[in-house]
Amino acid sequence: MMAITISDGATTVTMPPTDQVTDAGALETKDQTTANGREVSKIIGFRPGFTYVYDYVPADTFRALVALTREKKYFTVGYFDTDGTDKSGVFSVSYPLPKVFKFGNDGIAVWHDFTLTIKAQEVS
């Protein structure tokens, strides 16, 4: 799968295929103060995350994604990992902020230079 799907259980948005994926995962830590006053960071786990870059996204897909991300914070996302495997999980999805709108040669409206970031709800 080179396309990701974002679903709230009732509505599913399928993003166009892209081969531009970046690992945006991060270690989650919790800062604590010990009894002697020293600051330490405790590693809680790793929170997976990915950034997908699209050359274009059809305007209909963009509108559906905006409507979906306005309603909820977490979604079931079918995605491809940086290792090339298909996976699924519960993720927050960044609000879409495309840069350029135009009509293609075929008259279809598209958004260009579109970036979408997903971050897992749970740490592993």
PDB file of N, CA and C in Angstrom:
ATOM      1  N   MET A   1       0.848  -1.170   0.000  1.00  0.00           N
ATOM      2  CA  MET A   1       0.000   0.000   0.000  1.00  0.00           C
ATOM      3  C   MET A   1       0.896   1.236   0.000  1.00  0.00           C
ATOM      4  N   MET A   2       0.698   2.081  -0.928  1.00  0.00           N
ATOM      5  CA  MET A   2       1.426   3.343  -0.942  1.00  0.00           C
ATOM      6  C   MET A   2       0.485   4.497  -0.599  1.00  0.00           C
ATOM      7  N   ALA A   3      -0.783   4.175  -0.308  1.00  0.00           N
ATOM      8  CA  ALA A   3      -1.752   5.181   0.094  1.00  0.00           C
ATOM      9  C   ALA A   3      -2.178   4.893   1.521  1.00  0.00           C
ATOM     10  N   ILE A   4      -2.500   5.942   2.269  1.00  0.00           N
ATOM     11  CA  ILE A   4      -2.979   5.729   3.626  1.00  0.00           C
ATOM     12  C   ILE A   4      -4.483   5.962   3.664  1.00  0.00           C
ATOM     13  N   THR A   5      -5.158   5.276   4.592  1.00  0.00           N
ATOM     14  CA  THR A   5      -6.591   5.463   4.786  1.00  0.00           C
ATOM     15  C   THR A   5      -6.810   5.978   6.205  1.00  0.00           C
ATOM     16  N   ILE A   6      -7.725   6.921   6.336  1.00  0.00           N
ATOM     17  CA  ILE A   6      -8.032   7.538   7.622  1.00  0.00           C
ATOM     18  C   ILE A   6      -9.528   7.349   7.848  1.00  0.00           C
ATOM     19  N   SER A   7      -9.891   6.738   8.980  1.00  0.00           N
ATOM     20  CA  SER A   7     -11.291   6.416   9.219  1.00  0.00           C
ATOM     21  C   SER A   7     -11.703   6.749  10.649  1.00  0.00           C
ATOM     22  N   ASP A   8     -12.936   7.247  10.793  1.00  0.00           N
ATOM     23  CA  ASP A   8     -13.506   7.464  12.119  1.00  0.00           C
ATOM     24  C   ASP A   8     -14.531   6.387  12.446  1.00  0.00           C
ATOM     25  N   GLY A   9     -14.605   5.349  11.640  1.00  0.00           N
ATOM     26  CA  GLY A   9     -15.563   4.272  11.830  1.00  0.00           C
ATOM     27  C   GLY A   9     -16.744   4.383  10.897  1.00  0.00           C
ATOM     28  N   ALA A  10     -17.155   5.598  10.570  1.00  0.00           N
ATOM     29  CA  ALA A  10     -18.280   5.811   9.661  1.00  0.00           C
ATOM     30  C   ALA A  10     -17.805   6.315   8.296  1.00  0.00           C
ATOM     31  N   THR A  11     -16.806   7.167   8.302  1.00  0.00           N
ATOM     32  CA  THR A  11     -16.285   7.768   7.075  1.00  0.00           C
ATOM     33  C   THR A  11     -14.818   7.402   6.923  1.00  0.00           C
ATOM     34  N   THR A  12     -14.436   7.062   5.692  1.00  0.00           N
ATOM     35  CA  THR A  12     -13.037   6.746   5.400  1.00  0.00           C
ATOM     36  C   THR A  12     -12.542   7.633   4.268  1.00  0.00           C
ATOM     37  N   VAL A  13     -11.374   8.222   4.482  1.00  0.00           N
ATOM     38  CA  VAL A  13     -10.723   9.034   3.450  1.00  0.00           C
ATOM     39  C   VAL A  13      -9.470   8.291   3.024  1.00  0.00           C
ATOM     40  N   THR A  14      -9.332   8.069   1.719  1.00  0.00           N
ATOM     41  CA  THR A  14      -8.135   7.428   1.174  1.00  0.00           C
ATOM     42  C   THR A  14      -7.297   8.490   0.489  1.00  0.00           C
ATOM     43  N   MET A  15      -6.097   8.667   1.004  1.00  0.00           N
ATOM     44  CA  MET A  15      -5.186   9.652   0.429  1.00  0.00           C
ATOM     45  C   MET A  15      -4.572   9.087  -0.842  1.00  0.00           C
ATOM     46  N   PRO A  16      -4.163   9.938  -1.778  1.00  0.00           N
ATOM     47  CA  PRO A  16      -3.512   9.436  -2.986  1.00  0.00           C
ATOM     48  C   PRO A  16      -2.173   8.778  -2.652  1.00  0.00           C
ATOM     49  N   PRO A  17      -1.700   7.911  -3.519  1.00  0.00           N
ATOM     50  CA  PRO A  17      -0.403   7.261  -3.275  1.00  0.00           C
ATOM     51  C   PRO A  17       0.742   8.276  -3.227  1.00  0.00           C
ATOM     52  N   THR A  18       1.712   7.984  -2.375  1.00  0.00           N
ATOM     53  CA  THR A  18       2.929   8.780  -2.312  1.00  0.00           C
ATOM     54  C   THR A  18       4.083   7.876  -1.920  1.00  0.00           C
ATOM     55  N   ASP A  19       5.259   8.205  -2.371  1.00  0.00           N
ATOM     56  CA  ASP A  19       6.441   7.450  -1.951  1.00  0.00           C
ATOM     57  C   ASP A  19       7.344   8.321  -1.088  1.00  0.00           C
ATOM     58  N   GLN A  20       6.826   9.476  -0.668  1.00  0.00           N
ATOM     59  CA  GLN A  20       7.597  10.385   0.165  1.00  0.00           C
ATOM     60  C   GLN A  20       7.099  10.299   1.610  1.00  0.00           C
ATOM     61  N   VAL A  21       7.725   9.427   2.394  1.00  0.00           N
ATOM     62  CA  VAL A  21       7.345   9.257   3.795  1.00  0.00           C
ATOM     63  C   VAL A  21       8.582   9.446   4.654  1.00  0.00           C
ATOM     64  N   THR A  22       8.399  10.164   5.763  1.00  0.00           N
ATOM     65  CA  THR A  22       9.477  10.425   6.703  1.00  0.00           C
ATOM     66  C   THR A  22       9.048   9.945   8.078  1.00  0.00           C
ATOM     67  N   ASP A  23       9.967   9.312   8.788  1.00  0.00           N
ATOM     68  CA  ASP A  23       9.688   8.871  10.144  1.00  0.00           C
ATOM     69  C   ASP A  23       9.658  10.088  11.050  1.00  0.00           C
ATOM     70  N   ALA A  24       8.522  10.325  11.712  1.00  0.00           N
ATOM     71  CA  ALA A  24       8.373  11.463  12.619  1.00  0.00           C
ATOM     72  C   ALA A  24       8.132  10.994  14.045  1.00  0.00           C
ATOM     73  N   GLY A  25       8.528   9.767  14.341  1.00  0.00           N
ATOM     74  CA  GLY A  25       8.357   9.212  15.686  1.00  0.00           C
ATOM     75  C   GLY A  25       9.324   9.866  16.659  1.00  0.00           C
ATOM     76  N   ALA A  26       8.998   9.718  17.952  1.00  0.00           N
ATOM     77  CA  ALA A  26       9.849  10.347  18.974  1.00  0.00           C
ATOM     78  C   ALA A  26       9.761   9.570  20.277  1.00  0.00           C
ATOM     79  N   LEU A  27      10.849   9.619  21.034  1.00  0.00           N
ATOM     80  CA  LEU A  27      10.836   9.048  22.377  1.00  0.00           C
ATOM     81  C   LEU A  27      10.012   9.950  23.281  1.00  0.00           C
ATOM     82  N   GLU A  28       9.175   9.352  24.093  1.00  0.00           N
ATOM     83  CA  GLU A  28       8.387  10.101  25.069  1.00  0.00           C
ATOM     84  C   GLU A  28       9.071   9.966  26.423  1.00  0.00           C
ATOM     85  N   THR A  29       9.306  11.081  27.072  1.00  0.00           N
ATOM     86  CA  THR A  29       9.970  11.076  28.382  1.00  0.00           C
ATOM     87  C   THR A  29       9.133  11.840  29.397  1.00  0.00           C
ATOM     88  N   LYS A  30       9.417  11.564  30.657  1.00  0.00           N
ATOM     89  CA  LYS A  30       8.777  12.286  31.744  1.00  0.00           C
ATOM     90  C   LYS A  30       9.885  12.768  32.670  1.00  0.00           C
ATOM     91  N   ASP A  31       9.942  14.070  32.877  1.00  0.00           N
ATOM     92  CA  ASP A  31      10.961  14.644  33.754  1.00  0.00           C
ATOM     93  C   ASP A  31      10.525  14.510  35.201  1.00  0.00           C
ATOM     94  N   GLN A  32      11.470  14.098  36.042  1.00  0.00           N
ATOM     95  CA  GLN A  32      11.192  13.930  37.467  1.00  0.00           C
ATOM     96  C   GLN A  32      12.329  14.538  38.277  1.00  0.00           C
ATOM     97  N   THR A  33      12.016  14.945  39.500  1.00  0.00           N
ATOM     98  CA  THR A  33      13.029  15.432  40.433  1.00  0.00           C
ATOM     99  C   THR A  33      13.209  14.367  41.505  1.00  0.00           C
ATOM    100  N   THR A  34      14.451  13.932  41.687  1.00  0.00           N
ATOM    101  CA  THR A  34      14.737  12.908  42.693  1.00  0.00           C
ATOM    102  C   THR A  34      14.731  13.529  44.090  1.00  0.00           C
ATOM    103  N   ALA A  35      14.840  12.671  45.102  1.00  0.00           N
ATOM    104  CA  ALA A  35      14.825  13.139  46.487  1.00  0.00           C
ATOM    105  C   ALA A  35      15.983  14.093  46.793  1.00  0.00           C
ATOM    106  N   ASN A  36      17.116  13.913  46.114  1.00  0.00           N
ATOM    107  CA  ASN A  36      18.257  14.797  46.373  1.00  0.00           C
ATOM    108  C   ASN A  36      18.236  16.044  45.482  1.00  0.00           C
ATOM    109  N   GLY A  37      17.138  16.256  44.723  1.00  0.00           N
ATOM    110  CA  GLY A  37      16.975  17.467  43.924  1.00  0.00           C
ATOM    111  C   GLY A  37      17.491  17.388  42.502  1.00  0.00           C
ATOM    112  N   ARG A  38      17.989  16.237  42.098  1.00  0.00           N
ATOM    113  CA  ARG A  38      18.516  16.087  40.744  1.00  0.00           C
ATOM    114  C   ARG A  38      17.366  15.858  39.750  1.00  0.00           C
ATOM    115  N   GLU A  39      17.469  16.494  38.584  1.00  0.00           N
ATOM    116  CA  GLU A  39      16.479  16.313  37.522  1.00  0.00           C
ATOM    117  C   GLU A  39      16.865  15.100  36.675  1.00  0.00           C
ATOM    118  N   VAL A  40      15.902  14.186  36.488  1.00  0.00           N
ATOM    119  CA  VAL A  40      16.137  13.019  35.638  1.00  0.00           C
ATOM    120  C   VAL A  40      14.980  12.885  34.668  1.00  0.00           C
ATOM    121  N   SER A  41      15.255  12.284  33.523  1.00  0.00           N
ATOM    122  CA  SER A  41      14.219  12.005  32.532  1.00  0.00           C
ATOM    123  C   SER A  41      14.004  10.508  32.464  1.00  0.00           C
ATOM    124  N   LYS A  42      12.774  10.106  32.611  1.00  0.00           N
ATOM    125  CA  LYS A  42      12.417   8.699  32.527  1.00  0.00           C
ATOM    126  C   LYS A  42      11.805   8.455  31.158  1.00  0.00           C
ATOM    127  N   ILE A  43      12.341   7.483  30.419  1.00  0.00           N
ATOM    128  CA  ILE A  43      11.811   7.161  29.098  1.00  0.00           C
ATOM    129  C   ILE A  43      10.550   6.324  29.270  1.00  0.00           C
ATOM    130  N   ILE A  44       9.447   6.832  28.746  1.00  0.00           N
ATOM    131  CA  ILE A  44       8.166   6.136  28.826  1.00  0.00           C
ATOM    132  C   ILE A  44       8.031   5.144  27.671  1.00  0.00           C
ATOM    133  N   GLY A  45       8.447   5.540  26.485  1.00  0.00           N
ATOM    134  CA  GLY A  45       8.356   4.675  25.318  1.00  0.00           C
ATOM    135  C   GLY A  45       8.532   5.467  24.047  1.00  0.00           C
ATOM    136  N   PHE A  46       8.294   4.804  22.944  1.00  0.00           N
ATOM    137  CA  PHE A  46       8.432   5.417  21.624  1.00  0.00           C
ATOM    138  C   PHE A  46       7.049   5.634  21.040  1.00  0.00           C
ATOM    139  N   ARG A  47       6.769   6.846  20.571  1.00  0.00           N
ATOM    140  CA  ARG A  47       5.496   7.166  19.924  1.00  0.00           C
ATOM    141  C   ARG A  47       5.727   7.227  18.415  1.00  0.00           C
ATOM    142  N   PRO A  48       5.215   6.217  17.686  1.00  0.00           N
ATOM    143  CA  PRO A  48       5.392   6.229  16.232  1.00  0.00           C
ATOM    144  C   PRO A  48       4.695   7.425  15.595  1.00  0.00           C
ATOM    145  N   GLY A  49       5.261   7.915  14.542  1.00  0.00           N
ATOM    146  CA  GLY A  49       4.677   9.005  13.778  1.00  0.00           C
ATOM    147  C   GLY A  49       5.316   9.056  12.400  1.00  0.00           C
ATOM    148  N   PHE A  50       4.571   9.576  11.434  1.00  0.00           N
ATOM    149  CA  PHE A  50       5.057   9.638  10.060  1.00  0.00           C
ATOM    150  C   PHE A  50       4.558  10.912   9.400  1.00  0.00           C
ATOM    151  N   THR A  51       5.366  11.447   8.506  1.00  0.00           N
ATOM    152  CA  THR A  51       4.976  12.593   7.701  1.00  0.00           C
ATOM    153  C   THR A  51       4.961  12.154   6.243  1.00  0.00           C
ATOM    154  N   TYR A  52       3.831  12.395   5.589  1.00  0.00           N
ATOM    155  CA  TYR A  52       3.657  12.044   4.183  1.00  0.00           C
ATOM    156  C   TYR A  52       3.602  13.331   3.373  1.00  0.00           C
ATOM    157  N   VAL A  53       4.364  13.383   2.292  1.00  0.00           N
ATOM    158  CA  VAL A  53       4.408  14.558   1.430  1.00  0.00           C
ATOM    159  C   VAL A  53       3.776  14.189   0.094  1.00  0.00           C
ATOM    160  N   TYR A  54       2.818  15.008  -0.329  1.00  0.00           N
ATOM    161  CA  TYR A  54       2.102  14.770  -1.582  1.00  0.00           C
ATOM    162  C   TYR A  54       2.392  15.897  -2.555  1.00  0.00           C
ATOM    163  N   ASP A  55       2.618  15.538  -3.803  1.00  0.00           N
ATOM    164  CA  ASP A  55       2.758  16.553  -4.844  1.00  0.00           C
ATOM    165  C   ASP A  55       1.403  17.204  -5.075  1.00  0.00           C
ATOM    166  N   TYR A  56       0.340  16.392  -5.019  1.00  0.00           N
ATOM    167  CA  TYR A  56      -1.005  16.933  -5.188  1.00  0.00           C
ATOM    168  C   TYR A  56      -2.012  16.072  -4.431  1.00  0.00           C
ATOM    169  N   VAL A  57      -3.118  16.695  -4.063  1.00  0.00           N
ATOM    170  CA  VAL A  57      -4.254  16.009  -3.454  1.00  0.00           C
ATOM    171  C   VAL A  57      -5.504  16.573  -4.115  1.00  0.00           C
ATOM    172  N   PRO A  58      -6.382  15.707  -4.648  1.00  0.00           N
ATOM    173  CA  PRO A  58      -7.621  16.211  -5.255  1.00  0.00           C
ATOM    174  C   PRO A  58      -8.440  17.027  -4.245  1.00  0.00           C
ATOM    175  N   ALA A  59      -9.108  18.055  -4.733  1.00  0.00           N
ATOM    176  CA  ALA A  59      -9.877  18.942  -3.866  1.00  0.00           C
ATOM    177  C   ALA A  59     -10.959  18.188  -3.099  1.00  0.00           C
ATOM    178  N   ASP A  60     -11.591  17.171  -3.709  1.00  0.00           N
ATOM    179  CA  ASP A  60     -12.619  16.389  -3.012  1.00  0.00           C
ATOM    180  C   ASP A  60     -12.032  15.640  -1.823  1.00  0.00           C
ATOM    181  N   THR A  61     -10.834  15.074  -1.989  1.00  0.00           N
ATOM    182  CA  THR A  61     -10.160  14.368  -0.902  1.00  0.00           C
ATOM    183  C   THR A  61      -9.790  15.349   0.201  1.00  0.00           C
ATOM    184  N   PHE A  62      -9.317  16.516  -0.181  1.00  0.00           N
ATOM    185  CA  PHE A  62      -8.968  17.545   0.796  1.00  0.00           C
ATOM    186  C   PHE A  62     -10.187  17.957   1.618  1.00  0.00           C
ATOM    187  N   ARG A  63     -11.307  18.210   0.956  1.00  0.00           N
ATOM    188  CA  ARG A  63     -12.532  18.609   1.671  1.00  0.00           C
ATOM    189  C   ARG A  63     -12.982  17.525   2.646  1.00  0.00           C
ATOM    190  N   ALA A  64     -12.927  16.262   2.216  1.00  0.00           N
ATOM    191  CA  ALA A  64     -13.323  15.153   3.089  1.00  0.00           C
ATOM    192  C   ALA A  64     -12.402  15.048   4.295  1.00  0.00           C
ATOM    193  N   LEU A  65     -11.107  15.249   4.085  1.00  0.00           N
ATOM    194  CA  LEU A  65     -10.141  15.181   5.177  1.00  0.00           C
ATOM    195  C   LEU A  65     -10.337  16.331   6.167  1.00  0.00           C
ATOM    196  N   VAL A  66     -10.615  17.515   5.677  1.00  0.00           N
ATOM    197  CA  VAL A  66     -10.876  18.667   6.554  1.00  0.00           C
ATOM    198  C   VAL A  66     -12.107  18.396   7.408  1.00  0.00           C
ATOM    199  N   ALA A  67     -13.176  17.906   6.793  1.00  0.00           N
ATOM    200  CA  ALA A  67     -14.404  17.616   7.544  1.00  0.00           C
ATOM    201  C   ALA A  67     -14.146  16.555   8.609  1.00  0.00           C
ATOM    202  N   LEU A  68     -13.364  15.552   8.273  1.00  0.00           N
ATOM    203  CA  LEU A  68     -13.066  14.471   9.207  1.00  0.00           C
ATOM    204  C   LEU A  68     -12.218  14.958  10.378  1.00  0.00           C
ATOM    205  N   THR A  69     -11.175  15.725  10.103  1.00  0.00           N
ATOM    206  CA  THR A  69     -10.272  16.166  11.172  1.00  0.00           C
ATOM    207  C   THR A  69     -10.885  17.243  12.055  1.00  0.00           C
ATOM    208  N   ARG A  70     -11.935  17.874  11.623  1.00  0.00           N
ATOM    209  CA  ARG A  70     -12.621  18.853  12.476  1.00  0.00           C
ATOM    210  C   ARG A  70     -13.476  18.172  13.537  1.00  0.00           C
ATOM    211  N   GLU A  71     -13.882  16.922  13.285  1.00  0.00           N
ATOM    212  CA  GLU A  71     -14.815  16.241  14.178  1.00  0.00           C
ATOM    213  C   GLU A  71     -14.146  15.500  15.328  1.00  0.00           C
ATOM    214  N   LYS A  72     -13.000  14.886  15.080  1.00  0.00           N
ATOM    215  CA  LYS A  72     -12.357  14.052  16.088  1.00  0.00           C
ATOM    216  C   LYS A  72     -10.874  14.331  16.133  1.00  0.00           C
ATOM    217  N   LYS A  73     -10.234  13.762  17.147  1.00  0.00           N
ATOM    218  CA  LYS A  73      -8.790  13.922  17.257  1.00  0.00           C
ATOM    219  C   LYS A  73      -8.056  12.660  16.824  1.00  0.00           C
ATOM    220  N   TYR A  74      -8.605  11.475  17.152  1.00  0.00           N
ATOM    221  CA  TYR A  74      -7.926  10.217  16.830  1.00  0.00           C
ATOM    222  C   TYR A  74      -8.733   9.394  15.840  1.00  0.00           C
ATOM    223  N   PHE A  75      -7.992   8.723  14.938  1.00  0.00           N
ATOM    224  CA  PHE A  75      -8.612   7.946  13.871  1.00  0.00           C
ATOM    225  C   PHE A  75      -7.893   6.616  13.718  1.00  0.00           C
ATOM    226  N   THR A  76      -8.572   5.663  13.108  1.00  0.00           N
ATOM    227  CA  THR A  76      -7.923   4.427  12.712  1.00  0.00           C
ATOM    228  C   THR A  76      -7.255   4.701  11.373  1.00  0.00           C
ATOM    229  N   VAL A  77      -5.956   4.510  11.327  1.00  0.00           N
ATOM    230  CA  VAL A  77      -5.194   4.827  10.119  1.00  0.00           C
ATOM    231  C   VAL A  77      -4.520   3.557   9.600  1.00  0.00           C
ATOM    232  N   GLY A  78      -4.773   3.247   8.334  1.00  0.00           N
ATOM    233  CA  GLY A  78      -4.029   2.205   7.644  1.00  0.00           C
ATOM    234  C   GLY A  78      -2.893   2.906   6.924  1.00  0.00           C
ATOM    235  N   TYR A  79      -1.672   2.542   7.233  1.00  0.00           N
ATOM    236  CA  TYR A  79      -0.525   3.291   6.729  1.00  0.00           C
ATOM    237  C   TYR A  79       0.596   2.341   6.317  1.00  0.00           C
ATOM    238  N   PHE A  80       1.572   2.886   5.626  1.00  0.00           N
ATOM    239  CA  PHE A  80       2.780   2.120   5.329  1.00  0.00           C
ATOM    240  C   PHE A  80       3.926   2.721   6.122  1.00  0.00           C
ATOM    241  N   ASP A  81       4.688   1.821   6.687  1.00  0.00           N
ATOM    242  CA  ASP A  81       5.804   2.192   7.537  1.00  0.00           C
ATOM    243  C   ASP A  81       7.016   2.503   6.652  1.00  0.00           C
ATOM    244  N   THR A  82       8.036   3.107   7.247  1.00  0.00           N
ATOM    245  CA  THR A  82       9.252   3.405   6.487  1.00  0.00           C
ATOM    246  C   THR A  82       9.982   2.137   6.074  1.00  0.00           C
ATOM    247  N   ASP A  83       9.669   1.002   6.729  1.00  0.00           N
ATOM    248  CA  ASP A  83      10.288  -0.263   6.323  1.00  0.00           C
ATOM    249  C   ASP A  83       9.531  -0.935   5.180  1.00  0.00           C
ATOM    250  N   GLY A  84       8.455  -0.283   4.682  1.00  0.00           N
ATOM    251  CA  GLY A  84       7.733  -0.784   3.524  1.00  0.00           C
ATOM    252  C   GLY A  84       6.565  -1.696   3.849  1.00  0.00           C
ATOM    253  N   THR A  85       6.277  -1.934   5.129  1.00  0.00           N
ATOM    254  CA  THR A  85       5.179  -2.827   5.500  1.00  0.00           C
ATOM    255  C   THR A  85       3.900  -2.040   5.750  1.00  0.00           C
ATOM    256  N   ASP A  86       2.758  -2.686   5.508  1.00  0.00           N
ATOM    257  CA  ASP A  86       1.459  -2.089   5.784  1.00  0.00           C
ATOM    258  C   ASP A  86       1.086  -2.348   7.231  1.00  0.00           C
ATOM    259  N   LYS A  87       0.602  -1.316   7.898  1.00  0.00           N
ATOM    260  CA  LYS A  87       0.214  -1.431   9.298  1.00  0.00           C
ATOM    261  C   LYS A  87      -1.060  -0.637   9.536  1.00  0.00           C
ATOM    262  N   SER A  88      -1.629  -0.799  10.723  1.00  0.00           N
ATOM    263  CA  SER A  88      -2.829  -0.070  11.109  1.00  0.00           C
ATOM    264  C   SER A  88      -2.733   0.280  12.584  1.00  0.00           C
ATOM    265  N   GLY A  89      -3.286   1.414  12.975  1.00  0.00           N
ATOM    266  CA  GLY A  89      -3.256   1.826  14.366  1.00  0.00           C
ATOM    267  C   GLY A  89      -4.111   3.056  14.591  1.00  0.00           C
ATOM    268  N   VAL A  90      -4.170   3.502  15.843  1.00  0.00           N
ATOM    269  CA  VAL A  90      -4.932   4.693  16.199  1.00  0.00           C
ATOM    270  C   VAL A  90      -3.952   5.861  16.265  1.00  0.00           C
ATOM    271  N   PHE A  91      -4.227   6.886  15.456  1.00  0.00           N
ATOM    272  CA  PHE A  91      -3.328   8.023  15.309  1.00  0.00           C
ATOM    273  C   PHE A  91      -4.089   9.333  15.345  1.00  0.00           C
ATOM    274  N   SER A  92      -3.399  10.382  15.787  1.00  0.00           N
ATOM    275  CA  SER A  92      -3.907  11.734  15.562  1.00  0.00           C
ATOM    276  C   SER A  92      -3.445  12.128  14.161  1.00  0.00           C
ATOM    277  N   VAL A  93      -4.244  12.925  13.507  1.00  0.00           N
ATOM    278  CA  VAL A  93      -3.938  13.346  12.134  1.00  0.00           C
ATOM    279  C   VAL A  93      -3.865  14.864  12.122  1.00  0.00           C
ATOM    280  N   SER A  94      -2.772  15.396  11.592  1.00  0.00           N
ATOM    281  CA  SER A  94      -2.611  16.850  11.549  1.00  0.00           C
ATOM    282  C   SER A  94      -3.690  17.468  10.659  1.00  0.00           C
ATOM    283  N   TYR A  95      -4.078  18.679  11.020  1.00  0.00           N
ATOM    284  CA  TYR A  95      -5.044  19.403  10.198  1.00  0.00           C
ATOM    285  C   TYR A  95      -4.361  19.735   8.872  1.00  0.00           C
ATOM    286  N   PRO A  96      -5.012  19.449   7.751  1.00  0.00           N
ATOM    287  CA  PRO A  96      -4.365  19.658   6.454  1.00  0.00           C
ATOM    288  C   PRO A  96      -4.171  21.138   6.129  1.00  0.00           C
ATOM    289  N   LEU A  97      -2.944  21.479   5.755  1.00  0.00           N
ATOM    290  CA  LEU A  97      -2.615  22.845   5.361  1.00  0.00           C
ATOM    291  C   LEU A  97      -1.847  22.825   4.041  1.00  0.00           C
ATOM    292  N   PRO A  98      -2.556  22.719   2.923  1.00  0.00           N
ATOM    293  CA  PRO A  98      -1.872  22.721   1.630  1.00  0.00           C
ATOM    294  C   PRO A  98      -1.390  24.126   1.282  1.00  0.00           C
ATOM    295  N   LYS A  99      -0.516  24.204   0.282  1.00  0.00           N
ATOM    296  CA  LYS A  99       0.085  25.494  -0.055  1.00  0.00           C
ATOM    297  C   LYS A  99      -0.482  26.123  -1.322  1.00  0.00           C
ATOM    298  N   VAL A 100      -0.717  25.330  -2.370  1.00  0.00           N
ATOM    299  CA  VAL A 100      -1.090  25.895  -3.665  1.00  0.00           C
ATOM    300  C   VAL A 100      -2.336  25.195  -4.202  1.00  0.00           C
ATOM    301  N   PHE A 101      -3.331  25.976  -4.631  1.00  0.00           N
ATOM    302  CA  PHE A 101      -4.536  25.433  -5.250  1.00  0.00           C
ATOM    303  C   PHE A 101      -4.526  25.802  -6.721  1.00  0.00           C
ATOM    304  N   LYS A 102      -4.839  24.828  -7.577  1.00  0.00           N
ATOM    305  CA  LYS A 102      -4.982  25.157  -8.994  1.00  0.00           C
ATOM    306  C   LYS A 102      -5.756  24.058  -9.701  1.00  0.00           C
ATOM    307  N   PHE A 103      -6.158  24.357 -10.927  1.00  0.00           N
ATOM    308  CA  PHE A 103      -6.839  23.389 -11.754  1.00  0.00           C
ATOM    309  C   PHE A 103      -5.823  22.745 -12.681  1.00  0.00           C
ATOM    310  N   GLY A 104      -5.894  21.419 -12.792  1.00  0.00           N
ATOM    311  CA  GLY A 104      -4.989  20.700 -13.673  1.00  0.00           C
ATOM    312  C   GLY A 104      -5.398  20.861 -15.121  1.00  0.00           C
ATOM    313  N   ASN A 105      -4.606  20.301 -16.034  1.00  0.00           N
ATOM    314  CA  ASN A 105      -4.904  20.375 -17.467  1.00  0.00           C
ATOM    315  C   ASN A 105      -6.230  19.700 -17.805  1.00  0.00           C
ATOM    316  N   ASP A 106      -6.633  18.726 -16.986  1.00  0.00           N
ATOM    317  CA  ASP A 106      -7.891  18.035 -17.225  1.00  0.00           C
ATOM    318  C   ASP A 106      -9.074  18.724 -16.544  1.00  0.00           C
ATOM    319  N   GLY A 107      -8.851  19.878 -15.925  1.00  0.00           N
ATOM    320  CA  GLY A 107      -9.914  20.646 -15.299  1.00  0.00           C
ATOM    321  C   GLY A 107     -10.246  20.223 -13.881  1.00  0.00           C
ATOM    322  N   ILE A 108      -9.502  19.276 -13.318  1.00  0.00           N
ATOM    323  CA  ILE A 108      -9.754  18.802 -11.960  1.00  0.00           C
ATOM    324  C   ILE A 108      -8.994  19.680 -10.966  1.00  0.00           C
ATOM    325  N   ALA A 109      -9.694  20.130  -9.933  1.00  0.00           N
ATOM    326  CA  ALA A 109      -9.092  20.985  -8.913  1.00  0.00           C
ATOM    327  C   ALA A 109      -8.215  20.145  -7.996  1.00  0.00           C
ATOM    328  N   VAL A 110      -6.991  20.622  -7.744  1.00  0.00           N
ATOM    329  CA  VAL A 110      -6.069  19.908  -6.861  1.00  0.00           C
ATOM    330  C   VAL A 110      -5.332  20.906  -5.966  1.00  0.00           C
ATOM    331  N   TRP A 111      -4.884  20.390  -4.808  1.00  0.00           N
ATOM    332  CA  TRP A 111      -4.014  21.127  -3.908  1.00  0.00           C
ATOM    333  C   TRP A 111      -2.609  20.577  -4.069  1.00  0.00           C
ATOM    334  N   HIS A 112      -1.624  21.451  -4.224  1.00  0.00           N
ATOM    335  CA  HIS A 112      -0.226  21.044  -4.397  1.00  0.00           C
ATOM    336  C   HIS A 112       0.570  21.303  -3.118  1.00  0.00           C
ATOM    337  N   ASP A 113       1.722  20.622  -3.025  1.00  0.00           N
ATOM    338  CA  ASP A 113       2.626  20.782  -1.881  1.00  0.00           C
ATOM    339  C   ASP A 113       1.889  20.561  -0.566  1.00  0.00           C
ATOM    340  N   PHE A 114       1.366  19.368  -0.417  1.00  0.00           N
ATOM    341  CA  PHE A 114       0.509  18.992   0.703  1.00  0.00           C
ATOM    342  C   PHE A 114       1.271  18.067   1.634  1.00  0.00           C
ATOM    343  N   THR A 115       1.278  18.357   2.934  1.00  0.00           N
ATOM    344  CA  THR A 115       1.964  17.531   3.921  1.00  0.00           C
ATOM    345  C   THR A 115       0.966  17.087   4.978  1.00  0.00           C
ATOM    346  N   LEU A 116       1.053  15.819   5.371  1.00  0.00           N
ATOM    347  CA  LEU A 116       0.163  15.259   6.380  1.00  0.00           C
ATOM    348  C   LEU A 116       1.002  14.487   7.391  1.00  0.00           C
ATOM    349  N   THR A 117       0.811  14.783   8.680  1.00  0.00           N
ATOM    350  CA  THR A 117       1.570  14.101   9.735  1.00  0.00           C
ATOM    351  C   THR A 117       0.601  13.335  10.617  1.00  0.00           C
ATOM    352  N   ILE A 118       0.984  12.085  10.942  1.00  0.00           N
ATOM    353  CA  ILE A 118       0.198  11.278  11.857  1.00  0.00           C
ATOM    354  C   ILE A 118       1.078  10.910  13.047  1.00  0.00           C
ATOM    355  N   LYS A 119       0.495  10.863  14.242  1.00  0.00           N
ATOM    356  CA  LYS A 119       1.213  10.477  15.463  1.00  0.00           C
ATOM    357  C   LYS A 119       0.350   9.496  16.240  1.00  0.00           C
ATOM    358  N   ALA A 120       0.961   8.412  16.707  1.00  0.00           N
ATOM    359  CA  ALA A 120       0.229   7.367  17.417  1.00  0.00           C
ATOM    360  C   ALA A 120      -0.347   7.880  18.722  1.00  0.00           C
ATOM    361  N   GLN A 121      -1.503   7.325  19.096  1.00  0.00           N
ATOM    362  CA  GLN A 121      -2.141   7.691  20.357  1.00  0.00           C
ATOM    363  C   GLN A 121      -1.367   7.105  21.528  1.00  0.00           C
ATOM    364  N   GLU A 122      -0.880   5.894  21.373  1.00  0.00           N
ATOM    365  CA  GLU A 122      -0.187   5.183  22.448  1.00  0.00           C
ATOM    366  C   GLU A 122       1.306   5.105  22.174  1.00  0.00           C
ATOM    367  N   VAL A 123       2.086   5.030  23.231  1.00  0.00           N
ATOM    368  CA  VAL A 123       3.522   4.780  23.093  1.00  0.00           C
ATOM    369  C   VAL A 123       3.750   3.270  23.165  1.00  0.00           C
ATOM    370  N   SER A 124       4.806   2.820  22.532  1.00  0.00           N
ATOM    371  CA  SER A 124       5.103   1.384  22.567  1.00  0.00           C
ATOM    372  C   SER A 124       6.329   1.124  23.423  1.00  0.00           C
TER     373      SER A 124
END
